[in-house]
Amino acid sequence: MQRVLFLCSRNRLRSPTAEQVFRAWPGLEVDSAGLAADAEVVLTNEQLDWAELIVVMEASHRRRLQARHRSRLKDKQVVCLDIPDRYDFMQPELVDLLLKKAGPLLR
């Protein structure tokens, strides 16, 4: 099983959509969190330790993640999808982007 963690700022729209979209894919375990203090699910060290692949939505998320958790990312692959914060939860255009950009990364 590949363990994939999806991150955005507040874990309200993009990363929970990704978690929902990829939850049923065979061979995957997925989770999501946010990097902001007011996120629905705030990123924990346990989530970082669990994940094999970390998928962020924007370059700013990667920078923030690396600045705060560099030591926990040593053996982790971190991929940025470059998906801006302009979509609603489960919006069809967001789902399509996630499938197109993240789908090929997932075994």
N, C-alpha and C. Protein backbone atom coordinates (compact mmCIF):
# COMPACT_ATOMS: atom_id res chain seq x y z
N MET A 1 0.84 -1.19 0.00
CA MET A 1 0.00 0.00 0.00
C MET A 1 0.88 1.25 0.00
N GLN A 2 0.54 2.17 -0.87
CA GLN A 2 1.22 3.47 -0.90
C GLN A 2 0.44 4.42 0.00
N ARG A 3 1.15 5.09 0.91
CA ARG A 3 0.51 6.02 1.85
C ARG A 3 0.75 7.44 1.35
N VAL A 4 -0.37 8.13 1.03
CA VAL A 4 -0.29 9.44 0.40
C VAL A 4 -1.00 10.47 1.28
N LEU A 5 -0.31 11.56 1.54
CA LEU A 5 -0.85 12.66 2.34
C LEU A 5 -1.01 13.88 1.43
N PHE A 6 -2.23 14.40 1.36
CA PHE A 6 -2.54 15.59 0.57
C PHE A 6 -2.61 16.79 1.49
N LEU A 7 -1.93 17.88 1.12
CA LEU A 7 -1.89 19.08 1.95
C LEU A 7 -2.32 20.31 1.16
N CYS A 8 -3.06 21.18 1.83
CA CYS A 8 -3.33 22.53 1.33
C CYS A 8 -3.28 23.44 2.55
N SER A 9 -3.85 24.61 2.44
CA SER A 9 -3.75 25.55 3.56
C SER A 9 -4.68 25.19 4.71
N ARG A 10 -5.97 25.10 4.44
CA ARG A 10 -6.95 24.96 5.52
C ARG A 10 -7.68 23.62 5.54
N ASN A 11 -7.35 22.71 4.63
CA ASN A 11 -7.96 21.39 4.59
C ASN A 11 -9.48 21.48 4.52
N ARG A 12 -9.95 22.40 3.68
CA ARG A 12 -11.40 22.56 3.52
C ARG A 12 -11.87 22.24 2.10
N LEU A 13 -11.01 22.46 1.10
CA LEU A 13 -11.47 22.32 -0.29
C LEU A 13 -10.59 21.35 -1.09
N ARG A 14 -9.35 21.74 -1.34
CA ARG A 14 -8.51 20.96 -2.25
C ARG A 14 -8.03 19.64 -1.67
N SER A 15 -7.38 19.66 -0.52
CA SER A 15 -6.84 18.40 0.00
C SER A 15 -7.94 17.42 0.43
N PRO A 16 -9.07 17.87 1.01
CA PRO A 16 -10.12 16.88 1.29
C PRO A 16 -10.76 16.33 0.02
N THR A 17 -10.80 17.15 -1.03
CA THR A 17 -11.30 16.63 -2.31
C THR A 17 -10.37 15.54 -2.81
N ALA A 18 -9.06 15.79 -2.76
CA ALA A 18 -8.09 14.78 -3.19
C ALA A 18 -8.23 13.50 -2.36
N GLU A 19 -8.38 13.66 -1.07
CA GLU A 19 -8.56 12.48 -0.21
C GLU A 19 -9.79 11.70 -0.63
N GLN A 20 -10.87 12.39 -0.89
CA GLN A 20 -12.13 11.74 -1.30
C GLN A 20 -11.97 11.04 -2.65
N VAL A 21 -11.34 11.73 -3.62
CA VAL A 21 -11.19 11.19 -4.97
C VAL A 21 -10.36 9.92 -4.98
N PHE A 22 -9.26 9.91 -4.22
CA PHE A 22 -8.33 8.79 -4.28
C PHE A 22 -8.53 7.74 -3.20
N ARG A 23 -9.49 7.95 -2.33
CA ARG A 23 -9.73 7.02 -1.22
C ARG A 23 -10.02 5.60 -1.71
N ALA A 24 -10.74 5.45 -2.79
CA ALA A 24 -11.15 4.13 -3.26
C ALA A 24 -10.16 3.50 -4.25
N TRP A 25 -9.08 4.20 -4.55
CA TRP A 25 -8.10 3.63 -5.50
C TRP A 25 -7.41 2.45 -4.85
N PRO A 26 -7.29 1.35 -5.59
CA PRO A 26 -6.61 0.17 -5.02
C PRO A 26 -5.13 0.46 -4.77
N GLY A 27 -4.64 -0.10 -3.68
CA GLY A 27 -3.23 0.04 -3.35
C GLY A 27 -2.86 1.35 -2.70
N LEU A 28 -3.85 2.18 -2.36
CA LEU A 28 -3.58 3.48 -1.74
C LEU A 28 -4.23 3.58 -0.37
N GLU A 29 -3.53 4.22 0.53
CA GLU A 29 -4.10 4.73 1.78
C GLU A 29 -3.89 6.22 1.69
N VAL A 30 -4.92 7.00 1.95
CA VAL A 30 -4.81 8.45 1.79
C VAL A 30 -5.27 9.16 3.06
N ASP A 31 -4.74 10.37 3.22
CA ASP A 31 -5.12 11.24 4.32
C ASP A 31 -4.93 12.67 3.83
N SER A 32 -5.47 13.63 4.56
CA SER A 32 -5.28 15.03 4.20
C SER A 32 -5.22 15.89 5.44
N ALA A 33 -4.61 17.06 5.26
CA ALA A 33 -4.46 18.00 6.37
C ALA A 33 -4.18 19.38 5.80
N GLY A 34 -4.18 20.36 6.69
CA GLY A 34 -3.86 21.73 6.31
C GLY A 34 -2.66 22.24 7.08
N LEU A 35 -2.01 23.22 6.48
CA LEU A 35 -0.81 23.80 7.09
C LEU A 35 -1.12 25.01 7.96
N ALA A 36 -2.30 25.58 7.83
CA ALA A 36 -2.67 26.76 8.62
C ALA A 36 -3.14 26.35 10.01
N ALA A 37 -2.95 27.24 10.95
CA ALA A 37 -3.36 26.96 12.33
C ALA A 37 -4.87 26.76 12.46
N ASP A 38 -5.64 27.35 11.55
CA ASP A 38 -7.11 27.22 11.61
C ASP A 38 -7.64 26.17 10.64
N ALA A 39 -6.81 25.26 10.20
CA ALA A 39 -7.24 24.20 9.28
C ALA A 39 -8.26 23.29 9.96
N GLU A 40 -9.11 22.68 9.14
CA GLU A 40 -10.08 21.70 9.66
C GLU A 40 -9.33 20.56 10.36
N VAL A 41 -8.30 20.04 9.70
CA VAL A 41 -7.39 19.06 10.28
C VAL A 41 -5.99 19.64 10.14
N VAL A 42 -5.40 20.00 11.25
CA VAL A 42 -4.06 20.59 11.23
C VAL A 42 -3.03 19.46 11.12
N LEU A 43 -2.05 19.65 10.23
CA LEU A 43 -1.00 18.67 10.00
C LEU A 43 -0.31 18.28 11.30
N THR A 44 -0.12 16.96 11.48
CA THR A 44 0.58 16.45 12.66
C THR A 44 1.88 15.75 12.26
N ASN A 45 2.77 15.61 13.21
CA ASN A 45 4.00 14.85 12.98
C ASN A 45 3.68 13.39 12.65
N GLU A 46 2.64 12.86 13.26
CA GLU A 46 2.26 11.48 13.01
C GLU A 46 1.85 11.28 11.55
N GLN A 47 1.15 12.25 10.98
CA GLN A 47 0.78 12.16 9.57
C GLN A 47 2.02 12.19 8.68
N LEU A 48 2.95 13.06 9.01
CA LEU A 48 4.19 13.13 8.23
C LEU A 48 4.98 11.84 8.32
N ASP A 49 5.07 11.27 9.50
CA ASP A 49 5.81 10.02 9.67
C ASP A 49 5.13 8.88 8.91
N TRP A 50 3.81 8.88 8.86
CA TRP A 50 3.02 7.84 8.18
C TRP A 50 3.18 7.90 6.67
N ALA A 51 3.23 9.09 6.10
CA ALA A 51 3.18 9.28 4.64
C ALA A 51 4.47 8.84 3.95
N GLU A 52 4.30 8.24 2.77
CA GLU A 52 5.42 7.95 1.88
C GLU A 52 5.54 9.03 0.82
N LEU A 53 4.39 9.50 0.36
CA LEU A 53 4.31 10.55 -0.64
C LEU A 53 3.47 11.69 -0.08
N ILE A 54 4.00 12.90 -0.16
CA ILE A 54 3.26 14.09 0.30
C ILE A 54 2.98 14.94 -0.93
N VAL A 55 1.71 15.24 -1.13
CA VAL A 55 1.28 16.01 -2.30
C VAL A 55 0.73 17.34 -1.81
N VAL A 56 1.38 18.44 -2.22
CA VAL A 56 0.92 19.78 -1.86
C VAL A 56 0.28 20.43 -3.07
N MET A 57 -0.58 21.39 -2.82
CA MET A 57 -1.32 22.02 -3.90
C MET A 57 -0.59 23.21 -4.53
N GLU A 58 0.25 23.91 -3.74
CA GLU A 58 0.95 25.10 -4.24
C GLU A 58 2.40 25.10 -3.77
N ALA A 59 3.24 25.82 -4.49
CA ALA A 59 4.66 25.93 -4.12
C ALA A 59 4.81 26.53 -2.73
N SER A 60 3.93 27.44 -2.35
CA SER A 60 4.01 28.05 -1.02
C SER A 60 3.79 26.99 0.07
N HIS A 61 2.98 25.98 -0.21
CA HIS A 61 2.77 24.90 0.76
C HIS A 61 4.06 24.10 0.93
N ARG A 62 4.74 23.83 -0.18
CA ARG A 62 6.01 23.09 -0.09
C ARG A 62 7.02 23.87 0.74
N ARG A 63 7.12 25.19 0.49
CA ARG A 63 8.07 26.02 1.24
C ARG A 63 7.73 26.01 2.73
N ARG A 64 6.47 26.17 3.06
CA ARG A 64 6.04 26.19 4.46
C ARG A 64 6.30 24.84 5.12
N LEU A 65 6.00 23.78 4.41
CA LEU A 65 6.24 22.43 4.92
C LEU A 65 7.72 22.21 5.19
N GLN A 66 8.57 22.58 4.26
CA GLN A 66 10.00 22.39 4.43
C GLN A 66 10.56 23.26 5.54
N ALA A 67 10.05 24.47 5.67
CA ALA A 67 10.54 25.37 6.72
C ALA A 67 10.20 24.83 8.11
N ARG A 68 9.04 24.23 8.25
CA ARG A 68 8.58 23.78 9.57
C ARG A 68 8.97 22.34 9.91
N HIS A 69 9.15 21.51 8.89
CA HIS A 69 9.28 20.07 9.15
C HIS A 69 10.43 19.42 8.38
N ARG A 70 11.45 20.18 8.07
CA ARG A 70 12.55 19.67 7.24
C ARG A 70 13.08 18.31 7.71
N SER A 71 13.29 18.16 9.01
CA SER A 71 13.89 16.92 9.51
C SER A 71 12.99 15.70 9.28
N ARG A 72 11.69 15.89 9.22
CA ARG A 72 10.76 14.78 9.00
C ARG A 72 10.59 14.44 7.53
N LEU A 73 11.15 15.26 6.65
CA LEU A 73 10.95 15.08 5.21
C LEU A 73 12.13 14.41 4.52
N LYS A 74 13.14 14.02 5.28
CA LYS A 74 14.39 13.51 4.69
C LYS A 74 14.16 12.40 3.66
N ASP A 75 13.36 11.41 4.00
CA ASP A 75 13.15 10.28 3.10
C ASP A 75 11.78 10.32 2.42
N LYS A 76 11.18 11.49 2.37
CA LYS A 76 9.83 11.64 1.80
C LYS A 76 9.90 12.29 0.42
N GLN A 77 9.03 11.84 -0.46
CA GLN A 77 8.86 12.52 -1.74
C GLN A 77 7.76 13.56 -1.56
N VAL A 78 8.06 14.81 -1.91
CA VAL A 78 7.08 15.90 -1.84
C VAL A 78 6.87 16.41 -3.25
N VAL A 79 5.61 16.39 -3.69
CA VAL A 79 5.26 16.79 -5.04
C VAL A 79 4.27 17.94 -4.98
N CYS A 80 4.47 18.94 -5.81
CA CYS A 80 3.56 20.08 -5.90
C CYS A 80 2.72 19.96 -7.17
N LEU A 81 1.40 20.07 -7.02
CA LEU A 81 0.49 19.96 -8.16
C LEU A 81 0.21 21.30 -8.84
N ASP A 82 0.56 22.41 -8.21
CA ASP A 82 0.26 23.75 -8.76
C ASP A 82 -1.22 23.92 -9.07
N ILE A 83 -2.04 23.65 -8.07
CA ILE A 83 -3.49 23.85 -8.18
C ILE A 83 -3.87 25.01 -7.28
N PRO A 84 -4.30 26.14 -7.87
CA PRO A 84 -4.63 27.32 -7.07
C PRO A 84 -5.90 27.13 -6.24
N ASP A 85 -6.06 27.99 -5.26
CA ASP A 85 -7.19 27.95 -4.33
C ASP A 85 -8.37 28.71 -4.94
N ARG A 86 -8.98 28.13 -5.96
CA ARG A 86 -10.14 28.77 -6.57
C ARG A 86 -11.24 27.77 -6.91
N TYR A 87 -11.21 26.64 -6.23
CA TYR A 87 -12.19 25.60 -6.49
C TYR A 87 -12.95 25.26 -5.21
N ASP A 88 -14.18 24.80 -5.39
CA ASP A 88 -14.98 24.33 -4.27
C ASP A 88 -14.73 22.86 -4.03
N PHE A 89 -15.13 22.39 -2.86
CA PHE A 89 -15.01 20.97 -2.52
C PHE A 89 -15.74 20.13 -3.57
N MET A 90 -15.03 19.15 -4.13
CA MET A 90 -15.55 18.21 -5.12
C MET A 90 -16.05 18.87 -6.41
N GLN A 91 -15.62 20.10 -6.67
CA GLN A 91 -15.96 20.75 -7.93
C GLN A 91 -15.40 19.90 -9.08
N PRO A 92 -16.21 19.63 -10.11
CA PRO A 92 -15.75 18.75 -11.19
C PRO A 92 -14.42 19.17 -11.82
N GLU A 93 -14.18 20.46 -11.97
CA GLU A 93 -12.92 20.92 -12.54
C GLU A 93 -11.73 20.58 -11.63
N LEU A 94 -11.94 20.67 -10.32
CA LEU A 94 -10.90 20.30 -9.36
C LEU A 94 -10.65 18.80 -9.42
N VAL A 95 -11.70 18.02 -9.46
CA VAL A 95 -11.55 16.56 -9.55
C VAL A 95 -10.77 16.20 -10.80
N ASP A 96 -11.10 16.81 -11.93
CA ASP A 96 -10.39 16.54 -13.18
C ASP A 96 -8.91 16.88 -13.07
N LEU A 97 -8.60 18.05 -12.47
CA LEU A 97 -7.20 18.45 -12.29
C LEU A 97 -6.45 17.46 -11.40
N LEU A 98 -7.08 17.04 -10.33
CA LEU A 98 -6.44 16.08 -9.42
C LEU A 98 -6.16 14.76 -10.13
N LEU A 99 -7.11 14.28 -10.89
CA LEU A 99 -6.91 13.03 -11.62
C LEU A 99 -5.79 13.17 -12.63
N LYS A 100 -5.74 14.30 -13.31
CA LYS A 100 -4.73 14.53 -14.34
C LYS A 100 -3.33 14.70 -13.74
N LYS A 101 -3.24 15.46 -12.65
CA LYS A 101 -1.94 15.80 -12.08
C LYS A 101 -1.43 14.81 -11.04
N ALA A 102 -2.32 14.32 -10.19
CA ALA A 102 -1.89 13.41 -9.13
C ALA A 102 -2.02 11.94 -9.54
N GLY A 103 -3.00 11.64 -10.36
CA GLY A 103 -3.23 10.26 -10.76
C GLY A 103 -1.99 9.53 -11.23
N PRO A 104 -1.20 10.13 -12.15
CA PRO A 104 0.01 9.43 -12.64
C PRO A 104 1.08 9.19 -11.56
N LEU A 105 1.02 9.90 -10.45
CA LEU A 105 2.00 9.73 -9.37
C LEU A 105 1.68 8.55 -8.46
N LEU A 106 0.45 8.08 -8.54
CA LEU A 106 -0.04 7.10 -7.59
C LEU A 106 -0.02 5.71 -8.20
N ARG A 107 0.55 4.77 -7.49
CA ARG A 107 0.65 3.41 -8.00
C ARG A 107 -0.71 2.74 -8.02
